[in-house]
C-alpha cells in the first residue's frame, strides 16, 4: 500500500456551501465522512422547525485516500485545506478525529464550537473523561463561558467544548 492509497482523515473545503451534497455522495459511496452539525430552531408560519445545519460552512472531513479525493475533485468543487507551515494537506490524526466526532457529533448535548483564536491564550490540563456520554474523550480542561469544559481541537481548524463536566469524572493526564 503506497502513501496515496493509505486512508487518512483529510480536512476539505467545499465551495458554494455544497458540503451536504458532497456528504450524500460520500455516504452513497461508503466514504467515511464527518461534518460538524448543530441543531437550529427556526420559526415558519408560527411553527417551530428543528434543522441540523453545518456549524462551519464549506468544511467536511473525509477518511479516505488521495486517489478517492482526486476522483471526488472531478465531480465536486473541493480543495484540500493546506497546512500553512508545511504546504501539505492537513491530515487529522485518527485518535484526535475520533475524540472530535464523539463530542461534536452529539447533537443532543450543549456543546460549544470555538475558533482556534478564541482559546489561543488559555492553557489547561490534559484530561480524559472517565464516564458518561463522552467517556474516553481526551482534551484540555479550560474555562469557557464561565464553566470548566473539556475542549477537543482539530489543530488550526476548529475546537469543540463539552458541556460542564463534573471534576469527579475527569482523569488528569501527564
N, C-alpha and C. Protein backbone atom coordinates (compact mmCIF):
# COMPACT_ATOMS: atom_id res chain seq x y z
N UNK A 1 0.85 -1.18 0.00
CA UNK A 1 0.00 0.00 0.00
C UNK A 1 0.89 1.24 0.00
N UNK A 2 0.73 2.11 -0.98
CA UNK A 2 1.52 3.33 -1.06
C UNK A 2 0.89 4.41 -0.21
N UNK A 3 1.63 5.52 -0.03
CA UNK A 3 1.13 6.62 0.80
C UNK A 3 -0.18 7.18 0.26
N UNK A 4 -0.33 7.20 -1.08
CA UNK A 4 -1.56 7.75 -1.65
C UNK A 4 -2.74 6.79 -1.50
N UNK A 5 -2.46 5.50 -1.21
CA UNK A 5 -3.53 4.52 -1.02
C UNK A 5 -3.98 4.40 0.44
N UNK A 6 -3.16 4.88 1.36
CA UNK A 6 -3.48 4.75 2.79
C UNK A 6 -4.60 5.72 3.15
N UNK A 7 -5.62 5.24 3.89
CA UNK A 7 -6.70 6.15 4.30
C UNK A 7 -6.30 7.00 5.50
N UNK A 8 -6.55 8.29 5.41
CA UNK A 8 -6.33 9.25 6.49
C UNK A 8 -7.55 10.15 6.57
N UNK A 9 -7.65 10.89 7.67
CA UNK A 9 -8.68 11.91 7.80
C UNK A 9 -8.15 13.19 7.17
N UNK A 10 -8.81 13.67 6.12
CA UNK A 10 -8.44 14.91 5.45
C UNK A 10 -9.51 15.96 5.72
N UNK A 11 -9.07 17.20 5.89
CA UNK A 11 -9.99 18.32 6.01
C UNK A 11 -10.09 18.96 4.63
N UNK A 12 -11.32 19.11 4.12
CA UNK A 12 -11.52 19.66 2.78
C UNK A 12 -12.47 20.84 2.81
N UNK A 13 -12.24 21.78 1.90
CA UNK A 13 -13.15 22.90 1.67
C UNK A 13 -14.05 22.55 0.50
N UNK A 14 -15.33 22.78 0.68
CA UNK A 14 -16.30 22.56 -0.39
C UNK A 14 -16.88 23.93 -0.71
N UNK A 15 -16.71 24.39 -1.92
CA UNK A 15 -17.16 25.74 -2.26
C UNK A 15 -18.68 25.78 -2.47
N UNK A 16 -19.21 26.98 -2.38
CA UNK A 16 -20.62 27.26 -2.62
C UNK A 16 -21.57 26.52 -1.68
N UNK A 17 -21.12 26.24 -0.47
CA UNK A 17 -21.96 25.59 0.55
C UNK A 17 -22.59 24.28 0.07
N UNK A 18 -21.82 23.48 -0.64
CA UNK A 18 -22.31 22.20 -1.15
C UNK A 18 -21.86 21.03 -0.28
N UNK A 19 -21.49 21.30 0.96
CA UNK A 19 -20.97 20.23 1.80
C UNK A 19 -21.97 19.09 2.03
N UNK A 20 -23.25 19.40 2.11
CA UNK A 20 -24.25 18.35 2.33
C UNK A 20 -24.43 17.48 1.07
N UNK A 21 -24.27 18.08 -0.09
CA UNK A 21 -24.33 17.31 -1.34
C UNK A 21 -23.14 16.36 -1.43
N UNK A 22 -21.96 16.86 -1.05
CA UNK A 22 -20.76 16.01 -1.04
C UNK A 22 -20.93 14.90 -0.01
N UNK A 23 -21.52 15.23 1.15
CA UNK A 23 -21.76 14.21 2.18
C UNK A 23 -22.67 13.10 1.65
N UNK A 24 -23.75 13.46 0.98
CA UNK A 24 -24.66 12.46 0.41
C UNK A 24 -23.92 11.56 -0.58
N UNK A 25 -23.07 12.14 -1.42
CA UNK A 25 -22.29 11.36 -2.37
C UNK A 25 -21.35 10.40 -1.63
N UNK A 26 -20.67 10.92 -0.61
CA UNK A 26 -19.74 10.08 0.16
C UNK A 26 -20.48 8.95 0.87
N UNK A 27 -21.63 9.25 1.46
CA UNK A 27 -22.43 8.22 2.12
C UNK A 27 -22.84 7.12 1.13
N UNK A 28 -23.25 7.53 -0.07
CA UNK A 28 -23.67 6.57 -1.09
C UNK A 28 -22.51 5.71 -1.59
N UNK A 29 -21.29 6.24 -1.49
CA UNK A 29 -20.10 5.52 -1.98
C UNK A 29 -19.23 4.97 -0.85
N UNK A 30 -19.81 4.83 0.33
CA UNK A 30 -19.13 4.25 1.50
C UNK A 30 -17.80 4.96 1.83
N UNK A 31 -17.76 6.27 1.66
CA UNK A 31 -16.59 7.06 2.07
C UNK A 31 -16.92 7.65 3.43
N UNK A 32 -16.13 7.30 4.43
CA UNK A 32 -16.38 7.78 5.79
C UNK A 32 -16.18 9.29 5.81
N UNK A 33 -17.15 10.00 6.37
CA UNK A 33 -17.09 11.47 6.38
C UNK A 33 -17.72 12.01 7.65
N UNK A 34 -17.40 13.27 7.92
CA UNK A 34 -18.00 13.93 9.08
C UNK A 34 -18.09 15.43 8.81
N UNK A 35 -19.27 15.97 9.09
CA UNK A 35 -19.49 17.41 9.04
C UNK A 35 -19.99 17.81 10.42
N UNK A 36 -19.31 18.74 11.10
CA UNK A 36 -19.83 19.22 12.39
C UNK A 36 -21.17 19.93 12.17
N UNK A 37 -22.21 19.40 12.78
CA UNK A 37 -23.56 19.95 12.63
C UNK A 37 -24.09 20.40 13.98
N UNK A 38 -25.03 21.33 13.94
CA UNK A 38 -25.73 21.72 15.16
C UNK A 38 -27.20 21.87 14.83
N UNK A 39 -28.01 21.65 15.85
CA UNK A 39 -29.45 21.74 15.66
C UNK A 39 -29.88 23.19 15.87
N UNK A 40 -30.50 23.75 14.85
CA UNK A 40 -31.01 25.12 14.94
C UNK A 40 -32.53 25.08 14.86
N UNK A 41 -33.14 26.03 15.55
CA UNK A 41 -34.60 26.09 15.58
C UNK A 41 -35.03 27.34 14.83
N UNK A 42 -35.92 27.15 13.86
CA UNK A 42 -36.48 28.24 13.08
C UNK A 42 -37.98 28.28 13.31
N UNK A 43 -38.55 29.45 13.10
CA UNK A 43 -40.00 29.56 13.18
C UNK A 43 -40.52 29.94 11.80
N UNK A 44 -41.42 29.12 11.29
CA UNK A 44 -42.01 29.37 9.98
C UNK A 44 -43.52 29.27 10.11
N UNK A 45 -44.21 30.35 9.83
CA UNK A 45 -45.67 30.41 9.94
C UNK A 45 -46.15 30.01 11.33
N UNK A 46 -45.40 30.41 12.35
CA UNK A 46 -45.78 30.12 13.73
C UNK A 46 -45.42 28.72 14.20
N UNK A 47 -44.79 27.93 13.35
CA UNK A 47 -44.40 26.56 13.70
C UNK A 47 -42.89 26.51 13.86
N UNK A 48 -42.44 25.93 14.98
CA UNK A 48 -41.01 25.79 15.22
C UNK A 48 -40.49 24.57 14.47
N UNK A 49 -39.41 24.78 13.74
CA UNK A 49 -38.80 23.72 12.95
C UNK A 49 -37.36 23.54 13.40
N UNK A 50 -37.00 22.28 13.73
CA UNK A 50 -35.62 21.96 14.09
C UNK A 50 -34.92 21.44 12.84
N UNK A 51 -33.69 21.94 12.64
CA UNK A 51 -32.95 21.53 11.45
C UNK A 51 -31.47 21.40 11.79
N UNK A 52 -30.85 20.31 11.34
CA UNK A 52 -29.40 20.15 11.50
C UNK A 52 -28.71 20.90 10.39
N UNK A 53 -27.79 21.80 10.78
CA UNK A 53 -27.05 22.59 9.80
C UNK A 53 -25.57 22.57 10.12
N UNK A 54 -24.73 22.71 9.10
CA UNK A 54 -23.28 22.75 9.35
C UNK A 54 -22.90 23.92 10.26
N UNK A 55 -22.03 23.64 11.21
CA UNK A 55 -21.53 24.69 12.10
C UNK A 55 -20.58 25.60 11.33
N UNK A 56 -19.73 24.98 10.53
CA UNK A 56 -18.76 25.72 9.74
C UNK A 56 -19.07 25.45 8.28
N UNK A 57 -19.47 26.48 7.59
CA UNK A 57 -19.81 26.33 6.18
C UNK A 57 -18.58 25.89 5.39
N UNK A 58 -18.83 25.06 4.39
CA UNK A 58 -17.81 24.63 3.42
C UNK A 58 -16.74 23.71 3.98
N UNK A 59 -16.96 23.06 5.12
CA UNK A 59 -15.96 22.17 5.71
C UNK A 59 -16.51 20.75 5.80
N UNK A 60 -15.69 19.79 5.36
CA UNK A 60 -16.02 18.37 5.50
C UNK A 60 -14.73 17.62 5.79
N UNK A 61 -14.84 16.61 6.63
CA UNK A 61 -13.71 15.72 6.92
C UNK A 61 -14.00 14.39 6.24
N UNK A 62 -13.00 13.87 5.53
CA UNK A 62 -13.14 12.57 4.87
C UNK A 62 -12.05 11.64 5.33
N UNK A 63 -12.42 10.39 5.58
CA UNK A 63 -11.41 9.36 5.89
C UNK A 63 -11.31 8.49 4.65
N UNK A 64 -10.31 8.81 3.85
CA UNK A 64 -10.11 8.12 2.59
C UNK A 64 -8.67 8.32 2.14
N UNK A 65 -8.39 7.97 0.90
CA UNK A 65 -7.04 8.18 0.38
C UNK A 65 -7.05 9.26 -0.70
N UNK A 66 -5.87 9.66 -1.12
CA UNK A 66 -5.76 10.75 -2.10
C UNK A 66 -6.35 10.36 -3.46
N UNK A 67 -6.32 9.09 -3.79
CA UNK A 67 -6.89 8.64 -5.06
C UNK A 67 -8.39 8.91 -5.09
N UNK A 68 -9.10 8.56 -4.01
CA UNK A 68 -10.54 8.82 -3.94
C UNK A 68 -10.83 10.32 -3.94
N UNK A 69 -9.98 11.09 -3.27
CA UNK A 69 -10.21 12.54 -3.24
C UNK A 69 -10.01 13.13 -4.62
N UNK A 70 -9.04 12.62 -5.38
CA UNK A 70 -8.83 13.10 -6.76
C UNK A 70 -10.08 12.85 -7.60
N UNK A 71 -10.70 11.68 -7.43
CA UNK A 71 -11.95 11.38 -8.15
C UNK A 71 -13.07 12.30 -7.70
N UNK A 72 -13.12 12.57 -6.40
CA UNK A 72 -14.14 13.46 -5.85
C UNK A 72 -13.97 14.88 -6.41
N UNK A 73 -12.73 15.31 -6.57
CA UNK A 73 -12.45 16.65 -7.09
C UNK A 73 -12.91 16.81 -8.54
N UNK A 74 -13.01 15.71 -9.27
CA UNK A 74 -13.51 15.77 -10.64
C UNK A 74 -15.01 16.03 -10.68
N UNK A 75 -15.73 15.62 -9.63
CA UNK A 75 -17.19 15.77 -9.59
C UNK A 75 -17.66 17.01 -8.84
N UNK A 76 -16.90 17.41 -7.81
CA UNK A 76 -17.35 18.49 -6.93
C UNK A 76 -16.23 19.52 -6.74
N UNK A 77 -16.63 20.75 -6.41
CA UNK A 77 -15.62 21.80 -6.17
C UNK A 77 -15.04 21.68 -4.75
N UNK A 78 -14.12 20.73 -4.56
CA UNK A 78 -13.49 20.53 -3.25
C UNK A 78 -11.99 20.80 -3.36
N UNK A 79 -11.42 21.28 -2.25
CA UNK A 79 -9.98 21.54 -2.18
C UNK A 79 -9.48 21.08 -0.83
N UNK A 80 -8.23 20.64 -0.82
CA UNK A 80 -7.59 20.33 0.45
C UNK A 80 -7.44 21.61 1.26
N UNK A 81 -7.52 21.50 2.58
CA UNK A 81 -7.12 22.61 3.44
C UNK A 81 -5.65 22.37 3.72
N UNK A 82 -4.85 23.37 3.42
CA UNK A 82 -3.39 23.23 3.45
C UNK A 82 -2.82 23.73 4.77
N UNK A 83 -1.86 22.99 5.30
CA UNK A 83 -1.10 23.40 6.48
C UNK A 83 -0.16 24.52 6.05
N UNK A 84 -0.32 25.69 6.63
CA UNK A 84 0.49 26.85 6.21
C UNK A 84 1.97 26.67 6.49
N UNK A 85 2.31 25.86 7.47
CA UNK A 85 3.71 25.63 7.81
C UNK A 85 4.43 24.73 6.83
N UNK A 86 3.75 23.66 6.40
CA UNK A 86 4.41 22.67 5.54
C UNK A 86 3.99 22.76 4.08
N UNK A 87 2.84 23.35 3.82
CA UNK A 87 2.33 23.40 2.46
C UNK A 87 1.64 22.10 2.03
N UNK A 88 1.50 21.15 2.95
CA UNK A 88 0.86 19.86 2.66
C UNK A 88 -0.60 19.90 3.12
N UNK A 89 -1.44 19.03 2.54
CA UNK A 89 -2.83 18.94 3.02
C UNK A 89 -2.86 18.57 4.51
N UNK A 90 -3.81 19.15 5.22
CA UNK A 90 -3.96 18.84 6.64
C UNK A 90 -4.49 17.41 6.78
N UNK A 91 -3.75 16.60 7.53
CA UNK A 91 -4.18 15.24 7.86
C UNK A 91 -4.43 15.23 9.37
N UNK A 92 -5.65 14.88 9.75
CA UNK A 92 -6.03 14.86 11.17
C UNK A 92 -5.72 13.47 11.72
N UNK A 93 -4.97 13.38 12.82
CA UNK A 93 -4.70 12.07 13.42
C UNK A 93 -6.00 11.34 13.80
N UNK A 94 -6.00 10.04 13.60
CA UNK A 94 -7.19 9.21 13.83
C UNK A 94 -7.78 9.41 15.23
N UNK A 95 -6.95 9.33 16.26
CA UNK A 95 -7.42 9.44 17.65
C UNK A 95 -8.05 10.81 17.90
N UNK A 96 -7.39 11.86 17.40
CA UNK A 96 -7.90 13.23 17.57
C UNK A 96 -9.25 13.38 16.88
N UNK A 97 -9.38 12.81 15.70
CA UNK A 97 -10.63 12.92 14.95
C UNK A 97 -11.75 12.15 15.65
N UNK A 98 -11.45 10.98 16.17
CA UNK A 98 -12.48 10.19 16.87
C UNK A 98 -12.97 10.92 18.12
N UNK A 99 -12.08 11.58 18.85
CA UNK A 99 -12.49 12.35 20.03
C UNK A 99 -13.33 13.55 19.61
N UNK A 100 -12.94 14.21 18.51
CA UNK A 100 -13.70 15.35 18.00
C UNK A 100 -15.11 14.91 17.59
N UNK A 101 -15.20 13.79 16.89
CA UNK A 101 -16.52 13.28 16.46
C UNK A 101 -17.37 12.90 17.66
N UNK A 102 -16.76 12.31 18.70
CA UNK A 102 -17.51 11.92 19.90
C UNK A 102 -18.19 13.12 20.55
N UNK A 103 -17.53 14.26 20.54
CA UNK A 103 -18.10 15.46 21.15
C UNK A 103 -18.98 16.22 20.16
N UNK A 104 -18.43 16.54 18.99
CA UNK A 104 -19.15 17.37 18.01
C UNK A 104 -20.33 16.62 17.38
N UNK A 105 -20.27 15.30 17.35
CA UNK A 105 -21.34 14.52 16.73
C UNK A 105 -22.51 14.25 17.64
N UNK A 106 -22.46 14.75 18.87
CA UNK A 106 -23.54 14.54 19.83
C UNK A 106 -24.47 15.74 19.79
N UNK A 107 -25.46 15.69 18.91
CA UNK A 107 -26.32 16.85 18.64
C UNK A 107 -27.26 17.19 19.79
N UNK A 108 -27.52 16.25 20.68
CA UNK A 108 -28.47 16.48 21.77
C UNK A 108 -27.82 17.22 22.94
N UNK A 109 -26.50 17.23 23.01
CA UNK A 109 -25.81 17.87 24.13
C UNK A 109 -25.47 19.32 23.78
N UNK A 110 -25.28 20.12 24.82
CA UNK A 110 -24.94 21.52 24.62
C UNK A 110 -23.43 21.64 24.48
N UNK A 111 -22.96 21.56 23.25
CA UNK A 111 -21.54 21.74 23.00
C UNK A 111 -21.34 23.12 22.40
N UNK A 112 -20.13 23.64 22.55
CA UNK A 112 -19.81 24.98 22.06
C UNK A 112 -18.69 24.85 21.05
N UNK A 113 -18.90 25.37 19.85
CA UNK A 113 -17.86 25.38 18.83
C UNK A 113 -17.08 26.68 18.94
N UNK A 114 -15.77 26.57 18.84
CA UNK A 114 -14.89 27.72 19.01
C UNK A 114 -13.93 27.82 17.84
N UNK A 115 -13.51 29.04 17.53
CA UNK A 115 -12.45 29.20 16.53
C UNK A 115 -11.12 29.04 17.24
N UNK A 116 -10.05 28.68 16.52
CA UNK A 116 -8.74 28.49 17.16
C UNK A 116 -8.26 29.73 17.92
N UNK A 117 -8.67 30.92 17.50
CA UNK A 117 -8.23 32.15 18.15
C UNK A 117 -8.89 32.38 19.51
N UNK A 118 -10.06 31.81 19.73
CA UNK A 118 -10.80 32.06 20.96
C UNK A 118 -10.11 31.52 22.21
N UNK A 119 -9.32 30.48 22.09
CA UNK A 119 -8.64 29.91 23.26
C UNK A 119 -7.13 30.00 23.14
N UNK A 120 -6.65 30.85 22.25
CA UNK A 120 -5.21 30.92 21.99
C UNK A 120 -4.41 31.19 23.26
N UNK A 121 -4.87 32.10 24.10
CA UNK A 121 -4.12 32.48 25.29
C UNK A 121 -4.36 31.55 26.47
N UNK A 122 -5.38 30.73 26.41
CA UNK A 122 -5.72 29.86 27.54
C UNK A 122 -5.02 28.51 27.42
N UNK A 123 -4.47 28.08 28.52
CA UNK A 123 -3.91 26.73 28.56
C UNK A 123 -4.53 26.01 29.74
N UNK A 124 -4.68 24.73 29.60
CA UNK A 124 -5.28 23.95 30.67
C UNK A 124 -4.62 22.60 30.77
N UNK A 125 -5.13 21.80 31.67
CA UNK A 125 -4.59 20.46 31.89
C UNK A 125 -5.18 19.48 30.88
N UNK A 126 -4.37 18.53 30.44
CA UNK A 126 -4.87 17.45 29.58
C UNK A 126 -5.64 16.48 30.46
N UNK A 127 -6.85 16.15 30.03
CA UNK A 127 -7.71 15.26 30.81
C UNK A 127 -8.36 14.22 29.91
N UNK A 128 -8.85 13.16 30.56
CA UNK A 128 -9.66 12.14 29.90
C UNK A 128 -10.95 12.03 30.70
N UNK A 129 -12.07 11.97 30.00
CA UNK A 129 -13.37 11.83 30.67
C UNK A 129 -13.58 10.34 30.95
N UNK A 130 -13.85 10.03 32.24
CA UNK A 130 -13.92 8.63 32.68
C UNK A 130 -15.29 7.98 32.55
N UNK A 131 -16.35 8.78 32.49
CA UNK A 131 -17.69 8.19 32.46
C UNK A 131 -18.65 9.14 31.77
N UNK A 132 -19.83 8.64 31.48
CA UNK A 132 -20.85 9.44 30.84
C UNK A 132 -20.82 9.30 29.33
N UNK A 133 -21.56 10.15 28.64
CA UNK A 133 -21.67 10.03 27.19
C UNK A 133 -20.37 10.35 26.47
N UNK A 134 -19.48 11.11 27.11
CA UNK A 134 -18.20 11.45 26.49
C UNK A 134 -17.06 10.57 27.02
N UNK A 135 -17.38 9.42 27.60
CA UNK A 135 -16.38 8.53 28.18
C UNK A 135 -15.27 8.23 27.17
N UNK A 136 -14.01 8.40 27.64
CA UNK A 136 -12.85 8.11 26.80
C UNK A 136 -12.32 9.29 26.02
N UNK A 137 -13.09 10.36 25.93
CA UNK A 137 -12.65 11.54 25.18
C UNK A 137 -11.51 12.23 25.93
N UNK A 138 -10.47 12.59 25.20
CA UNK A 138 -9.34 13.33 25.77
C UNK A 138 -9.33 14.73 25.20
N UNK A 139 -8.98 15.68 26.05
CA UNK A 139 -8.90 17.07 25.61
C UNK A 139 -8.23 17.90 26.67
N UNK A 140 -8.43 19.21 26.58
CA UNK A 140 -7.84 20.16 27.50
C UNK A 140 -8.95 20.79 28.33
N UNK A 141 -8.76 20.83 29.64
CA UNK A 141 -9.75 21.41 30.54
C UNK A 141 -9.51 22.91 30.63
N UNK A 142 -10.48 23.70 30.16
CA UNK A 142 -10.38 25.17 30.21
C UNK A 142 -11.73 25.75 30.58
N UNK A 143 -11.69 27.01 31.02
CA UNK A 143 -12.93 27.71 31.36
C UNK A 143 -13.47 28.37 30.10
N UNK A 144 -14.69 27.98 29.73
CA UNK A 144 -15.38 28.54 28.57
C UNK A 144 -16.76 28.95 29.02
N UNK A 145 -17.10 30.21 28.83
CA UNK A 145 -18.42 30.74 29.22
C UNK A 145 -18.75 30.41 30.67
N UNK A 146 -17.80 30.67 31.55
CA UNK A 146 -17.94 30.53 33.00
C UNK A 146 -18.09 29.09 33.50
N UNK A 147 -17.82 28.11 32.68
CA UNK A 147 -17.83 26.71 33.10
C UNK A 147 -16.53 26.06 32.68
N UNK A 148 -16.07 25.11 33.50
CA UNK A 148 -14.91 24.32 33.08
C UNK A 148 -15.41 23.24 32.14
N UNK A 149 -14.83 23.22 30.95
CA UNK A 149 -15.25 22.28 29.92
C UNK A 149 -14.04 21.60 29.32
N UNK A 150 -14.25 20.44 28.74
CA UNK A 150 -13.18 19.74 28.04
C UNK A 150 -13.26 20.17 26.57
N UNK A 151 -12.15 20.68 26.07
CA UNK A 151 -12.07 21.16 24.69
C UNK A 151 -11.28 20.17 23.85
N UNK A 152 -11.86 19.77 22.74
CA UNK A 152 -11.20 18.90 21.77
C UNK A 152 -10.93 19.75 20.54
N UNK A 153 -9.71 19.69 20.04
CA UNK A 153 -9.30 20.59 18.96
C UNK A 153 -8.82 19.82 17.74
N UNK A 154 -9.22 20.30 16.56
CA UNK A 154 -8.61 19.89 15.31
C UNK A 154 -7.66 21.03 14.99
N UNK A 155 -6.39 20.77 15.11
CA UNK A 155 -5.34 21.79 15.07
C UNK A 155 -5.52 22.78 13.92
N UNK A 156 -5.68 24.06 14.28
CA UNK A 156 -5.76 25.12 13.30
C UNK A 156 -7.09 25.29 12.59
N UNK A 157 -8.07 24.42 12.87
CA UNK A 157 -9.35 24.49 12.16
C UNK A 157 -10.51 24.85 13.06
N UNK A 158 -10.77 24.00 14.04
CA UNK A 158 -11.96 24.17 14.86
C UNK A 158 -11.76 23.49 16.20
N UNK A 159 -12.48 23.97 17.19
CA UNK A 159 -12.48 23.36 18.52
C UNK A 159 -13.93 23.20 18.95
N UNK A 160 -14.16 22.19 19.76
CA UNK A 160 -15.49 21.99 20.32
C UNK A 160 -15.32 21.73 21.81
N UNK A 161 -16.18 22.37 22.60
CA UNK A 161 -16.13 22.22 24.06
C UNK A 161 -17.38 21.48 24.52
N UNK A 162 -17.19 20.54 25.43
CA UNK A 162 -18.32 19.80 26.00
C UNK A 162 -19.13 20.73 26.90
N UNK A 163 -20.25 20.25 27.38
CA UNK A 163 -20.96 20.97 28.44
C UNK A 163 -20.13 20.78 29.71
N UNK A 164 -20.57 21.34 30.82
CA UNK A 164 -19.84 21.21 32.09
C UNK A 164 -19.66 19.74 32.43
N UNK A 165 -18.44 19.38 32.79
CA UNK A 165 -18.12 18.01 33.22
C UNK A 165 -17.69 18.07 34.68
N UNK A 166 -18.35 17.31 35.54
CA UNK A 166 -18.01 17.30 36.96
C UNK A 166 -16.58 16.79 37.15
N UNK A 167 -15.80 17.42 38.06
CA UNK A 167 -14.40 17.02 38.27
C UNK A 167 -14.22 15.54 38.62
N UNK A 168 -15.20 14.92 39.25
CA UNK A 168 -15.07 13.50 39.62
C UNK A 168 -15.04 12.60 38.38
N UNK A 169 -15.47 13.11 37.25
CA UNK A 169 -15.49 12.32 36.02
C UNK A 169 -14.22 12.51 35.18
N UNK A 170 -13.27 13.29 35.70
CA UNK A 170 -12.06 13.60 34.93
C UNK A 170 -10.85 12.87 35.47
N UNK A 171 -10.02 12.42 34.56
CA UNK A 171 -8.73 11.81 34.90
C UNK A 171 -7.66 12.71 34.28
N UNK A 172 -6.76 13.22 35.11
CA UNK A 172 -5.72 14.12 34.62
C UNK A 172 -4.60 13.32 33.99
N UNK A 173 -4.15 13.77 32.83
CA UNK A 173 -3.09 13.09 32.09
C UNK A 173 -1.80 13.88 32.23
N UNK A 174 -0.69 13.21 32.12
CA UNK A 174 0.62 13.89 32.21
C UNK A 174 0.96 14.54 30.90
